[in-house]
Amino acid sequence: MATVSLLGTIDGLTFEAFVARKLVPKLWAGACVIMDNCSIHKAKEIEAMIQTAGARLIYLPPYSPDFSPIENCWSKIKNSAAFDGC
C-alpha cells in the first residue's frame, strides 16, 4: 500500500506525483487499484500510469458509502458541526 500525509487540499499535479513516485513502484501485474470518482483520480495520465504497471483500475460506484467507510465519518462530523451551530 502507498500512503502520504499532506496538509490542505490535493490538486491534480500533487496526486499525479504521488501515483508516479509512491503508488506505481509498489504495483504488480494483476494488482487492483480502487478509487472513488474524484475528478483528479480520473485523469488520463493517472489511468495510463496504473495500467502501464499492469494493474487494474476500478472506480467505486458514485454515492456508494458502503464501499467507502470514510463516508460514515463525514456524516458524524457534519452532525457534530450542525449540533455546535456551525
Protein backbone atom coordinates (compact mmCIF):
# COMPACT_ATOMS: atom_id res chain seq x y z
CA MET A 1 0.00 0.00 0.00
CA ALA A 2 1.21 3.50 -0.79
CA THR A 3 0.36 6.36 1.56
CA VAL A 4 1.18 10.01 2.04
CA SER A 5 0.06 12.62 4.57
CA LEU A 6 -0.32 16.22 3.47
CA LEU A 7 -1.93 19.28 4.98
CA GLY A 8 -4.54 21.06 2.91
CA THR A 9 -6.16 20.07 -0.35
CA ILE A 10 -4.61 17.92 -3.04
CA ASP A 11 -4.55 19.13 -6.64
CA GLY A 12 -4.15 17.03 -9.77
CA LEU A 13 -0.39 17.57 -10.08
CA THR A 14 0.21 16.54 -6.47
CA PHE A 15 -1.90 13.41 -6.91
CA GLU A 16 -0.15 12.57 -10.18
CA ALA A 17 3.24 12.86 -8.43
CA PHE A 18 2.01 10.56 -5.63
CA VAL A 19 0.86 7.96 -8.13
CA ALA A 20 4.12 8.13 -10.10
CA ARG A 21 6.51 8.15 -7.13
CA LYS A 22 4.74 6.15 -4.43
CA LEU A 23 1.94 4.02 -5.89
CA VAL A 24 3.23 2.76 -9.24
CA PRO A 25 6.53 1.41 -7.85
CA LYS A 26 4.53 -0.81 -5.46
CA LEU A 27 2.16 -2.21 -8.10
CA TRP A 28 2.49 -5.58 -9.81
CA ALA A 29 0.79 -7.18 -12.77
CA GLY A 30 -2.74 -8.05 -11.74
CA ALA A 31 -2.89 -5.68 -8.76
CA CYS A 32 -6.15 -3.75 -8.28
CA VAL A 33 -6.26 -0.03 -7.51
CA ILE A 34 -9.64 1.12 -6.21
CA MET A 35 -10.53 4.81 -6.20
CA ASP A 36 -13.60 6.95 -5.81
CA ASN A 37 -14.84 9.24 -8.58
CA CYS A 38 -12.94 12.37 -7.56
CA SER A 39 -12.02 14.24 -10.74
CA ILE A 40 -8.28 14.15 -10.02
CA HIS A 41 -8.47 10.35 -9.81
CA LYS A 42 -9.91 10.15 -13.32
CA ALA A 43 -7.14 11.95 -15.21
CA LYS A 44 -5.94 10.05 -18.28
CA GLU A 45 -2.34 10.28 -17.02
CA ILE A 46 -3.30 8.52 -13.78
CA GLU A 47 -5.12 5.75 -15.63
CA ALA A 48 -2.19 5.30 -18.04
CA MET A 49 0.42 5.03 -15.27
CA ILE A 50 -1.58 2.42 -13.37
CA GLN A 51 -2.41 0.37 -16.46
CA THR A 52 1.19 0.55 -17.73
CA ALA A 53 2.26 -1.01 -14.42
CA GLY A 54 -0.02 -3.95 -15.27
CA ALA A 55 -2.56 -3.11 -12.58
CA ARG A 56 -6.31 -2.84 -12.94
CA LEU A 57 -8.05 0.42 -12.07
CA ILE A 58 -11.51 0.15 -10.53
CA TYR A 59 -13.72 3.12 -9.67
CA LEU A 60 -16.29 2.86 -6.90
CA PRO A 61 -19.88 3.43 -7.97
CA PRO A 62 -20.99 7.03 -7.38
CA TYR A 63 -22.58 7.66 -3.98
CA SER A 64 -21.61 4.29 -2.52
CA PRO A 65 -20.86 4.85 1.17
CA ASP A 66 -20.99 1.08 1.76
CA PHE A 67 -17.71 0.76 -0.15
CA SER A 68 -16.15 3.91 1.29
CA PRO A 69 -16.01 3.73 5.12
CA ILE A 70 -14.78 7.33 5.43
CA GLU A 71 -18.28 8.43 4.41
CA ASN A 72 -19.57 7.24 7.80
CA CYS A 73 -17.03 9.51 9.47
CA TRP A 74 -18.10 12.53 7.40
CA SER A 75 -21.74 12.11 8.43
CA LYS A 76 -20.72 12.14 12.12
CA ILE A 77 -18.59 15.26 11.60
CA LYS A 78 -21.44 17.02 9.78
CA ASN A 79 -23.88 16.12 12.55
CA SER A 80 -21.45 17.35 15.20
CA ALA A 81 -20.90 20.63 13.34
CA ALA A 82 -24.66 21.13 13.00
CA PHE A 83 -25.11 20.43 16.71
CA ASP A 84 -22.44 23.03 17.56
CA GLY A 85 -24.27 25.60 15.47
CA CYS A 86 -21.74 25.72 12.63
